[in-house]
Amino acid sequence: MKLAILGAGPGGYVAALKAAQMGADVTVIEGKEVGGTCLNEGCIPTKTLIASAEAYSKAKHLGDFGIDVTGEIKPNPSKILARKNDVISTQVKGIRGLFKSWGVKLKEGRGEFISEKEIRISLKDGSEETLTADKFIVATGSRPAEIPIFPFDGKRILNSTDALEISSIPASMIIVGAGVMGCEFACIYQEFGTEVTMVELMPRALTTEDPEISQTIERELKKKKIKLFTGVKVEKVSVEANGVKVSLSNGKELSAEKLLVTIGRAFNSQGMGLDKVSVETGKRGEIKVNRYMETSNPDVYAIGDVTGGMLLAHTASKEGIAAANNIMGHTEEMDYTVVPGGIFTHPEIGSVGLREHQLEERGVKYRVGRFQYRALGKAHAMGEISGLFKVISDEDAKRILGVHIIGQNASDIVHEAAVAMKNGLTVQDLAETIHAHPTLSEGLMEAAEDVLGHAIHMPKK
């Protein structure tokens, strides 16, 4: 089986390795760098900046832990940037090493379908070659959308990629969008000393999350003195000598040194000859697929952001595995009911399953259990007492419908809930599982106990 994959992001490179493990002859075509947006311009660089911001925050509060520090502590943008680039470089080398280990061929250039079984590759050195394959996977991802009102210049008006090149700490910044990226960048830049103002069209921050989680993160943003305007639209943007001025639909005018736009993604489905292979796309340019990741052409599969589904790296990777399995004759259907997510604000957010507002919209009766971080001894020992565990079950308090956590290490702890939900464990199973003390994970056990009405470390209701 000869397999050609367009794109080496978290979907494409994982699909390549999985197919190679099963004996396929795999060639990957990538125009930029292996790892895609996630590794080079998204997940990993932002988390590296977040790690630097958290280290700086901890250093500023060492006195709270009984440690005396003399001298000035301040962020060094050039060193932060160098560390970020080193982390990316290490991960890139790792993927390239895995390709070599499993015999995956990498063609550095841009691919375009020219017939049902052929791709023309425009290589980086200016030459071209034609690749023939039996099956294909399109994993070309997405990019920041170009929005006319925001003329990106990389200096005053930034997209998410620009924001990663932290050559200096701006005195002030307006962030358009209080979604995942907006909130993460707000926490990063605020910690480094930037005065941050956020503008969100929707009525609350993080509208993809449970309303109670949104309320909590809005409270935490306020504690950080991050201003948040919700339910308002940016109507005009003008670049001035010392920064950017923004006019809002509520009549307010905001000024800052930088404007960061974190809304909108465009799907990379153009210019690759999809019409030559009869692959259908939707109104937004997304490639249409079924739950086997097949397109309208049975020999062409598509995975990740370009399909317009969950724009998450780990979803793309799982879709890549599913596509590889189906191509190699091992039927696998994608299941999106238990996909955990992490948001790396401070405090972190971890979620899996349905949100409370989704259940209300569907008319589903449910029960809720909660437990506060501040009731955990480990949280006090760490100095991280802000946060909440929330377990949502069906009306009979048996099936776990969703788990939502905001607090230290939430993005790691939530996977315990994902395993429970994936394997059909009940609320009682979670509540009766012995959790080590002192840990933060005890909070999840206590929230499950609260669903059942007998959390040990909560006052009588």
Protein backbone atom coordinates (compact mmCIF):
# COMPACT_ATOMS: atom_id res chain seq x y z
CA MET A 1 0.00 0.00 0.00
CA LYS A 2 1.48 3.35 -1.08
CA LEU A 3 0.14 6.20 1.02
CA ALA A 4 0.74 9.92 0.46
CA ILE A 5 -0.06 12.42 3.21
CA LEU A 6 -0.37 16.16 2.67
CA GLY A 7 0.71 17.86 5.88
CA ALA A 8 2.93 16.82 8.80
CA GLY A 9 1.04 18.38 11.69
CA PRO A 10 -0.29 16.39 14.67
CA GLY A 11 -2.77 14.67 12.36
CA GLY A 12 -0.52 13.99 9.39
CA TYR A 13 2.63 12.86 11.15
CA VAL A 14 0.74 10.56 13.53
CA ALA A 15 -1.18 9.03 10.60
CA ALA A 16 2.13 8.49 8.80
CA LEU A 17 3.73 6.68 11.72
CA LYS A 18 0.64 4.56 12.37
CA ALA A 19 0.37 3.49 8.72
CA ALA A 20 4.12 2.78 8.55
CA GLN A 21 3.85 0.59 11.65
CA MET A 22 1.26 -1.48 9.78
CA GLY A 23 3.52 -1.89 6.75
CA ALA A 24 2.47 0.92 4.42
CA ASP A 25 4.93 2.70 2.13
CA VAL A 26 4.39 6.26 3.39
CA THR A 27 5.43 9.63 1.96
CA VAL A 28 4.62 12.88 3.76
CA ILE A 29 4.61 16.24 1.97
CA GLU A 30 5.11 19.32 4.15
CA GLY A 31 5.67 22.89 2.97
CA LYS A 32 6.84 24.38 6.28
CA GLU A 33 8.05 22.15 9.10
CA VAL A 34 7.01 18.86 10.67
CA GLY A 35 4.74 19.28 13.67
CA GLY A 36 2.50 21.78 11.89
CA THR A 37 0.80 24.72 13.58
CA CYS A 38 0.57 22.93 16.93
CA LEU A 39 4.30 22.42 17.35
CA ASN A 40 5.64 25.47 15.54
CA GLU A 41 3.02 28.19 16.00
CA GLY A 42 0.45 26.97 18.52
CA CYS A 43 0.25 24.44 21.33
CA ILE A 44 3.92 23.96 22.19
CA PRO A 45 5.25 27.53 21.87
CA THR A 46 2.32 28.96 23.84
CA LYS A 47 2.80 26.39 26.60
CA THR A 48 6.51 27.21 26.68
CA LEU A 49 5.70 30.90 27.15
CA ILE A 50 3.15 29.94 29.80
CA ALA A 51 5.83 27.93 31.63
CA SER A 52 8.09 31.01 31.63
CA ALA A 53 5.22 33.19 32.87
CA GLU A 54 4.42 30.72 35.66
CA ALA A 55 8.08 30.52 36.68
CA TYR A 56 8.22 34.32 36.84
CA SER A 57 5.01 34.42 38.88
CA LYS A 58 6.35 31.84 41.31
CA ALA A 59 9.65 33.70 41.61
CA LYS A 60 7.83 36.91 42.53
CA HIS A 61 6.06 35.10 45.36
CA LEU A 62 8.93 33.02 46.76
CA GLY A 63 8.63 34.96 50.00
CA ASP A 64 5.23 33.31 50.54
CA PHE A 65 7.07 29.98 50.65
CA GLY A 66 9.67 31.12 53.16
CA ILE A 67 12.39 31.76 50.61
CA ASP A 68 14.23 35.08 50.68
CA VAL A 69 15.42 36.44 47.34
CA THR A 70 17.63 39.48 46.85
CA GLY A 71 18.07 41.41 43.63
CA GLU A 72 15.69 42.19 40.78
CA ILE A 73 13.63 39.49 39.13
CA LYS A 74 12.39 40.35 35.67
CA PRO A 75 11.50 38.61 32.40
CA ASN A 76 14.15 38.56 29.67
CA PRO A 77 12.26 38.43 26.34
CA SER A 78 15.27 37.31 24.27
CA LYS A 79 15.97 34.37 26.60
CA ILE A 80 12.27 33.46 26.80
CA LEU A 81 12.14 33.44 23.01
CA ALA A 82 15.34 31.39 22.74
CA ARG A 83 13.99 28.80 25.17
CA LYS A 84 10.73 28.57 23.22
CA ASN A 85 12.65 28.00 19.99
CA ASP A 86 14.87 25.38 21.63
CA VAL A 87 11.82 23.44 22.80
CA ILE A 88 10.31 23.55 19.30
CA SER A 89 13.61 22.47 17.73
CA THR A 90 13.89 19.49 20.05
CA GLN A 91 10.37 18.33 19.22
CA VAL A 92 10.91 18.80 15.46
CA LYS A 93 14.06 16.67 15.62
CA GLY A 94 12.08 14.04 17.51
CA ILE A 95 9.42 13.76 14.77
CA ARG A 96 12.05 13.67 12.04
CA GLY A 97 13.83 10.92 13.97
CA LEU A 98 10.62 8.90 14.21
CA PHE A 99 10.08 9.26 10.44
CA LYS A 100 13.58 7.89 9.85
CA SER A 101 13.07 5.06 12.33
CA TRP A 102 9.83 3.88 10.68
CA GLY A 103 10.91 4.51 7.09
CA VAL A 104 8.54 7.41 6.44
CA LYS A 105 9.77 9.54 3.53
CA LEU A 106 9.50 13.32 3.91
CA LYS A 107 9.19 15.61 0.89
CA GLU A 108 9.66 19.27 1.82
CA GLY A 109 7.45 21.25 -0.51
CA ARG A 110 3.85 21.86 -1.53
CA GLY A 111 1.67 19.10 -2.96
CA GLU A 112 -1.16 19.37 -5.46
CA PHE A 113 -3.39 16.65 -6.93
CA ILE A 114 -3.03 16.41 -10.71
CA SER A 115 -4.98 13.17 -11.20
CA GLU A 116 -6.82 10.51 -9.20
CA LYS A 117 -3.53 8.84 -8.20
CA GLU A 118 -0.90 11.54 -8.65
CA ILE A 119 0.40 14.51 -6.72
CA ARG A 120 2.77 17.11 -8.12
CA ILE A 121 5.24 18.29 -5.49
CA SER A 122 6.80 21.75 -5.77
CA LEU A 123 9.94 21.26 -3.72
CA LYS A 124 11.65 23.97 -1.69
CA ASP A 125 14.67 23.94 -4.00
CA GLY A 126 12.45 25.01 -6.91
CA SER A 127 12.27 21.62 -8.62
CA GLU A 128 9.17 19.50 -9.12
CA GLU A 129 8.42 15.80 -8.96
CA THR A 130 5.36 13.61 -9.31
CA LEU A 131 4.30 11.14 -6.64
CA THR A 132 1.97 8.22 -7.32
CA ALA A 133 0.05 6.58 -4.49
CA ASP A 134 -2.89 4.24 -3.83
CA LYS A 135 -4.44 6.26 -1.00
CA PHE A 136 -4.14 9.82 0.24
CA ILE A 137 -4.68 11.72 3.48
CA VAL A 138 -5.18 15.49 3.48
CA ALA A 139 -3.98 16.94 6.79
CA THR A 140 -3.21 20.54 5.83
CA GLY A 141 -4.69 22.18 8.93
CA SER A 142 -5.81 25.79 9.36
CA ARG A 143 -4.37 29.30 9.72
CA PRO A 144 -5.42 32.60 11.30
CA ALA A 145 -8.26 34.04 9.24
CA GLU A 146 -7.73 37.33 7.45
CA ILE A 147 -10.40 39.72 8.70
CA PRO A 148 -10.67 43.02 6.77
CA ILE A 149 -11.17 45.16 9.86
CA PHE A 150 -7.87 43.87 11.29
CA PRO A 151 -5.04 44.55 8.80
CA PHE A 152 -2.27 42.41 10.32
CA ASP A 153 1.16 44.03 10.10
CA GLY A 154 3.07 41.94 12.67
CA LYS A 155 3.99 45.11 14.58
CA ARG A 156 0.90 46.86 15.91
CA ILE A 157 -1.87 44.50 14.81
CA LEU A 158 -0.92 40.91 15.57
CA ASN A 159 -2.30 37.44 14.94
CA SER A 160 -1.61 34.49 17.23
CA THR A 161 1.59 33.58 15.35
CA ASP A 162 2.97 37.12 15.73
CA ALA A 163 2.23 37.06 19.46
CA LEU A 164 4.68 34.20 19.95
CA GLU A 165 7.64 36.30 18.83
CA ILE A 166 7.99 38.08 22.16
CA SER A 167 10.96 40.33 21.32
CA SER A 168 9.83 42.88 23.92
CA ILE A 169 7.14 43.21 26.57
CA PRO A 170 4.47 45.70 25.42
CA ALA A 171 3.22 48.15 28.02
CA SER A 172 -0.39 47.55 26.98
CA MET A 173 -2.36 45.21 24.73
CA ILE A 174 -5.95 44.84 23.53
CA ILE A 175 -6.93 41.24 22.82
CA VAL A 176 -9.88 40.64 20.50
CA GLY A 177 -11.55 37.39 21.52
CA ALA A 178 -11.90 35.81 24.95
CA GLY A 179 -11.79 32.26 23.69
CA VAL A 180 -9.04 29.73 24.41
CA MET A 181 -6.22 31.58 22.64
CA GLY A 182 -7.31 34.98 23.89
CA CYS A 183 -7.47 33.93 27.51
CA GLU A 184 -4.14 32.07 27.35
CA PHE A 185 -2.33 35.03 25.79
CA ALA A 186 -3.99 37.38 28.28
CA CYS A 187 -2.55 35.38 31.18
CA ILE A 188 0.90 35.20 29.56
CA TYR A 189 1.27 38.88 28.79
CA GLN A 190 -0.35 40.08 32.02
CA GLU A 191 2.10 38.01 34.04
CA PHE A 192 5.02 39.60 32.17
CA GLY A 193 3.70 43.05 33.08
CA THR A 194 1.49 44.08 30.16
CA GLU A 195 -1.75 45.92 30.89
CA VAL A 196 -4.32 43.72 29.13
CA THR A 197 -7.84 44.56 27.94
CA MET A 198 -10.03 41.89 26.31
CA VAL A 199 -12.98 42.38 23.96
CA GLU A 200 -15.44 39.55 23.33
CA LEU A 201 -18.51 39.54 21.09
CA MET A 202 -20.22 36.75 23.05
CA PRO A 203 -21.83 37.34 26.46
CA ARG A 204 -19.10 35.51 28.38
CA ALA A 205 -15.50 34.39 28.15
CA LEU A 206 -14.81 30.84 26.99
CA THR A 207 -18.30 30.20 25.61
CA THR A 208 -17.26 26.64 24.68
CA GLU A 209 -16.92 25.83 28.38
CA ASP A 210 -19.42 25.22 31.15
CA PRO A 211 -20.95 28.54 32.34
CA GLU A 212 -19.69 28.00 35.88
CA ILE A 213 -16.15 27.58 34.55
CA SER A 214 -16.55 30.79 32.53
CA GLN A 215 -17.70 32.64 35.64
CA THR A 216 -14.68 31.40 37.55
CA ILE A 217 -12.14 32.36 34.88
CA GLU A 218 -13.75 35.79 34.54
CA ARG A 219 -13.32 36.25 38.30
CA GLU A 220 -9.68 35.17 38.06
CA LEU A 221 -9.03 37.53 35.14
CA LYS A 222 -10.49 40.36 37.22
CA LYS A 223 -8.14 39.46 40.09
CA LYS A 224 -5.26 39.86 37.66
CA LYS A 225 -6.61 43.30 36.73
CA ILE A 226 -7.33 42.14 33.18
CA LYS A 227 -10.24 44.19 31.85
CA LEU A 228 -12.90 42.21 29.99
CA PHE A 229 -15.66 43.67 27.81
CA THR A 230 -18.25 41.08 26.76
CA GLY A 231 -21.18 41.36 24.39
CA VAL A 232 -19.46 44.07 22.34
CA LYS A 233 -18.08 44.26 18.82
CA VAL A 234 -15.00 45.97 17.43
CA GLU A 235 -16.27 48.46 14.85
CA LYS A 236 -13.12 50.34 13.89
CA VAL A 237 -9.36 49.96 14.25
CA SER A 238 -6.80 52.67 13.55
CA VAL A 239 -3.02 52.52 13.84
CA GLU A 240 -1.49 55.61 15.37
CA ALA A 241 2.03 56.80 16.09
CA ASN A 242 2.26 55.17 19.51
CA GLY A 243 -0.13 52.27 19.15
CA VAL A 244 -3.61 51.24 18.17
CA LYS A 245 -7.03 52.75 18.84
CA VAL A 246 -10.15 50.56 18.86
CA SER A 247 -13.77 51.74 18.70
CA LEU A 248 -16.38 49.43 20.24
CA SER A 249 -20.09 49.00 19.54
CA ASN A 250 -20.91 50.24 23.05
CA GLY A 251 -19.38 53.62 22.26
CA LYS A 252 -16.15 53.07 24.18
CA GLU A 253 -12.73 53.75 22.68
CA LEU A 254 -9.67 51.78 23.75
CA SER A 255 -6.01 52.50 23.12
CA ALA A 256 -2.98 50.23 23.53
CA GLU A 257 0.53 49.66 22.24
CA LYS A 258 -0.51 46.38 20.55
CA LEU A 259 -3.69 44.76 19.27
CA LEU A 260 -3.82 40.96 19.26
CA VAL A 261 -6.58 39.24 17.28
CA THR A 262 -7.35 35.67 18.38
CA ILE A 263 -10.60 35.06 16.51
CA GLY A 264 -11.19 33.14 13.31
CA ARG A 265 -9.43 30.26 11.57
CA ALA A 266 -9.31 29.59 7.83
CA PHE A 267 -9.04 26.04 6.46
CA ASN A 268 -6.09 25.17 4.23
CA SER A 269 -8.03 23.44 1.46
CA GLN A 270 -7.33 25.77 -1.45
CA GLY A 271 -4.77 25.37 -4.20
CA MET A 272 -4.19 21.65 -3.81
CA GLY A 273 -6.33 20.39 -6.69
CA LEU A 274 -9.16 18.86 -4.70
CA ASP A 275 -11.42 19.35 -7.72
CA LYS A 276 -9.14 17.00 -9.68
CA VAL A 277 -10.04 14.18 -7.28
CA SER A 278 -13.72 15.10 -6.71
CA VAL A 279 -13.31 15.95 -3.02
CA GLU A 280 -16.23 18.01 -1.71
CA THR A 281 -15.77 21.03 0.54
CA GLY A 282 -18.27 23.00 2.62
CA LYS A 283 -19.19 26.67 2.63
CA ARG A 284 -16.28 27.61 4.88
CA GLY A 285 -13.78 25.62 2.81
CA GLU A 286 -13.74 22.66 5.16
CA ILE A 287 -13.31 19.20 3.62
CA LYS A 288 -16.38 17.03 4.16
CA VAL A 289 -15.71 13.65 5.77
CA ASN A 290 -17.64 10.80 7.37
CA ARG A 291 -16.84 9.18 10.70
CA TYR A 292 -14.25 6.95 9.00
CA MET A 293 -12.46 10.14 7.85
CA GLU A 294 -13.29 9.34 4.20
CA THR A 295 -14.01 12.20 1.81
CA SER A 296 -16.38 12.00 -1.16
CA ASN A 297 -13.53 10.19 -2.93
CA PRO A 298 -13.02 6.77 -1.27
CA ASP A 299 -9.26 6.92 -1.92
CA VAL A 300 -8.84 10.33 -0.26
CA TYR A 301 -9.16 10.82 3.49
CA ALA A 302 -9.00 14.08 5.44
CA ILE A 303 -8.21 14.71 9.10
CA GLY A 304 -7.66 17.53 11.58
CA ASP A 305 -8.51 21.21 11.32
CA VAL A 306 -9.07 21.14 7.55
CA THR A 307 -12.24 19.08 8.15
CA GLY A 308 -13.74 21.91 10.24
CA GLY A 309 -14.51 19.76 13.28
CA MET A 310 -12.85 20.00 16.69
CA LEU A 311 -9.79 22.20 16.14
CA LEU A 312 -7.67 20.26 18.64
CA ALA A 313 -4.28 18.66 18.07
CA HIS A 314 -5.15 15.48 19.94
CA THR A 315 -8.39 15.10 17.97
CA ALA A 316 -6.40 15.41 14.75
CA SER A 317 -3.99 12.73 15.97
CA LYS A 318 -6.81 10.34 16.81
CA GLU A 319 -8.43 11.03 13.43
CA GLY A 320 -5.05 10.28 11.83
CA ILE A 321 -4.91 6.92 13.57
CA ALA A 322 -8.49 6.16 12.51
CA ALA A 323 -7.74 7.09 8.88
CA ALA A 324 -4.59 4.96 8.86
CA ASN A 325 -6.45 1.99 10.33
CA ASN A 326 -9.26 2.28 7.78
CA ILE A 327 -6.81 2.61 4.90
CA MET A 328 -4.97 -0.50 6.07
CA GLY A 329 -8.17 -2.54 6.37
CA HIS A 330 -8.82 -2.21 10.13
CA THR A 331 -12.21 -0.52 10.44
CA GLU A 332 -12.36 2.31 12.96
CA GLU A 333 -15.11 4.88 13.41
CA MET A 334 -14.35 8.16 15.17
CA ASP A 335 -16.09 8.71 18.50
CA TYR A 336 -16.21 12.35 19.61
CA THR A 337 -18.27 11.86 22.77
CA VAL A 338 -15.26 11.66 25.10
CA VAL A 339 -12.68 14.18 23.94
CA PRO A 340 -10.91 15.93 26.83
CA GLY A 341 -9.71 19.49 26.46
CA GLY A 342 -7.20 21.65 28.29
CA ILE A 343 -6.99 25.43 28.49
CA PHE A 344 -3.71 26.71 29.89
CA THR A 345 -4.81 29.84 31.63
CA HIS A 346 -3.91 30.45 35.26
CA PRO A 347 -5.68 28.65 36.77
CA GLU A 348 -5.87 25.86 34.19
CA ILE A 349 -9.08 24.37 32.83
CA GLY A 350 -9.75 20.73 32.00
CA SER A 351 -13.06 19.51 30.60
CA VAL A 352 -14.63 16.41 29.08
CA GLY A 353 -18.18 15.56 28.09
CA LEU A 354 -21.26 17.75 28.14
CA ARG A 355 -21.57 21.20 29.69
CA GLU A 356 -24.47 22.21 31.91
CA HIS A 357 -25.90 24.65 29.35
CA GLN A 358 -25.85 21.92 26.68
CA LEU A 359 -27.90 19.62 28.91
CA GLU A 360 -30.38 22.41 29.60
CA GLU A 361 -30.72 23.12 25.87
CA ARG A 362 -31.45 19.44 25.25
CA GLY A 363 -33.92 19.19 28.11
CA VAL A 364 -31.88 16.50 29.89
CA LYS A 365 -32.37 16.14 33.63
CA TYR A 366 -29.11 15.92 35.54
CA ARG A 367 -27.35 16.24 38.88
CA VAL A 368 -24.24 18.19 39.81
CA GLY A 369 -21.52 17.62 42.39
CA ARG A 370 -18.91 20.24 43.25
CA PHE A 371 -15.77 20.52 45.32
CA GLN A 372 -13.60 23.58 45.88
CA TYR A 373 -9.82 23.55 45.53
CA ARG A 374 -9.57 25.58 48.72
CA ALA A 375 -10.82 22.54 50.65
CA LEU A 376 -7.76 20.49 49.62
CA GLY A 377 -4.69 20.34 51.84
CA LYS A 378 -2.42 19.87 48.81
CA ALA A 379 -3.81 23.03 47.20
CA HIS A 380 -2.95 25.03 50.33
CA ALA A 381 0.53 23.50 50.46
CA MET A 382 1.08 24.54 46.84
CA GLY A 383 -0.39 28.00 47.32
CA GLU A 384 -2.95 27.26 44.59
CA ILE A 385 -6.39 27.38 46.24
CA SER A 386 -8.44 28.96 43.43
CA GLY A 387 -10.58 26.51 41.55
CA LEU A 388 -13.44 24.06 41.33
CA PHE A 389 -14.18 20.43 40.49
CA LYS A 390 -17.56 19.82 38.89
CA VAL A 391 -19.07 16.42 38.08
CA ILE A 392 -22.33 16.22 36.11
CA SER A 393 -24.31 12.97 36.07
CA ASP A 394 -27.67 11.75 34.81
CA GLU A 395 -30.74 12.15 37.01
CA ASP A 396 -30.11 8.78 38.69
CA ALA A 397 -26.56 9.79 39.66
CA LYS A 398 -25.09 6.87 37.74
CA ARG A 399 -23.75 7.80 34.32
CA ILE A 400 -21.10 10.55 34.20
CA LEU A 401 -22.17 13.09 31.58
CA GLY A 402 -19.40 15.64 32.00
CA VAL A 403 -16.53 16.73 34.22
CA HIS A 404 -15.21 20.28 34.37
CA ILE A 405 -12.24 21.41 36.42
CA ILE A 406 -10.64 24.81 36.87
CA GLY A 407 -7.54 24.94 39.03
CA GLN A 408 -3.94 23.85 39.27
CA ASN A 409 -3.11 20.81 37.07
CA ALA A 410 -6.70 20.63 35.78
CA SER A 411 -5.55 19.69 32.28
CA ASP A 412 -3.88 16.57 33.67
CA ILE A 413 -6.47 15.55 36.26
CA VAL A 414 -9.35 15.61 33.75
CA HIS A 415 -8.00 12.50 32.03
CA GLU A 416 -9.03 10.42 35.03
CA ALA A 417 -12.60 11.46 34.24
CA ALA A 418 -12.08 10.76 30.52
CA VAL A 419 -10.98 7.18 31.27
CA ALA A 420 -13.98 6.70 33.55
CA MET A 421 -16.43 8.01 30.94
CA LYS A 422 -14.82 6.12 28.05
CA ASN A 423 -15.18 2.85 29.95
CA GLY A 424 -18.68 3.44 31.27
CA LEU A 425 -17.74 3.74 34.93
CA THR A 426 -20.40 5.19 37.21
CA VAL A 427 -20.29 8.16 39.56
CA GLN A 428 -20.11 5.67 42.42
CA ASP A 429 -17.13 3.92 40.82
CA LEU A 430 -15.32 7.26 40.73
CA ALA A 431 -16.35 8.15 44.27
CA GLU A 432 -15.28 4.77 45.69
CA THR A 433 -11.87 4.72 44.01
CA ILE A 434 -9.25 5.37 46.68
CA HIS A 435 -7.30 8.53 45.89
CA ALA A 436 -3.88 9.19 47.43
CA HIS A 437 -3.64 11.90 50.06
CA PRO A 438 -2.60 14.65 49.84
CA THR A 439 -3.25 15.16 46.12
CA LEU A 440 -5.29 17.50 43.99
CA SER A 441 -7.07 14.54 42.39
CA GLU A 442 -8.91 13.97 45.67
CA GLY A 443 -11.11 16.87 44.61
CA LEU A 444 -12.53 14.84 41.76
CA MET A 445 -13.40 12.00 44.13
CA GLU A 446 -15.08 14.45 46.51
CA ALA A 447 -17.08 16.05 43.68
CA ALA A 448 -18.31 12.59 42.68
CA GLU A 449 -19.24 11.95 46.31
CA ASP A 450 -21.12 15.26 46.31
CA VAL A 451 -23.26 14.07 43.38
CA LEU A 452 -24.27 11.17 45.63
CA GLY A 453 -24.85 13.52 48.57
CA HIS A 454 -22.10 12.36 50.90
CA ALA A 455 -18.86 14.26 50.27
CA ILE A 456 -16.76 13.82 53.40
CA HIS A 457 -15.02 17.18 53.41
CA MET A 458 -18.03 19.39 52.83
CA PRO A 459 -20.37 20.92 55.42
CA LYS A 460 -23.82 19.43 55.79
CA LYS A 461 -26.26 20.99 53.33
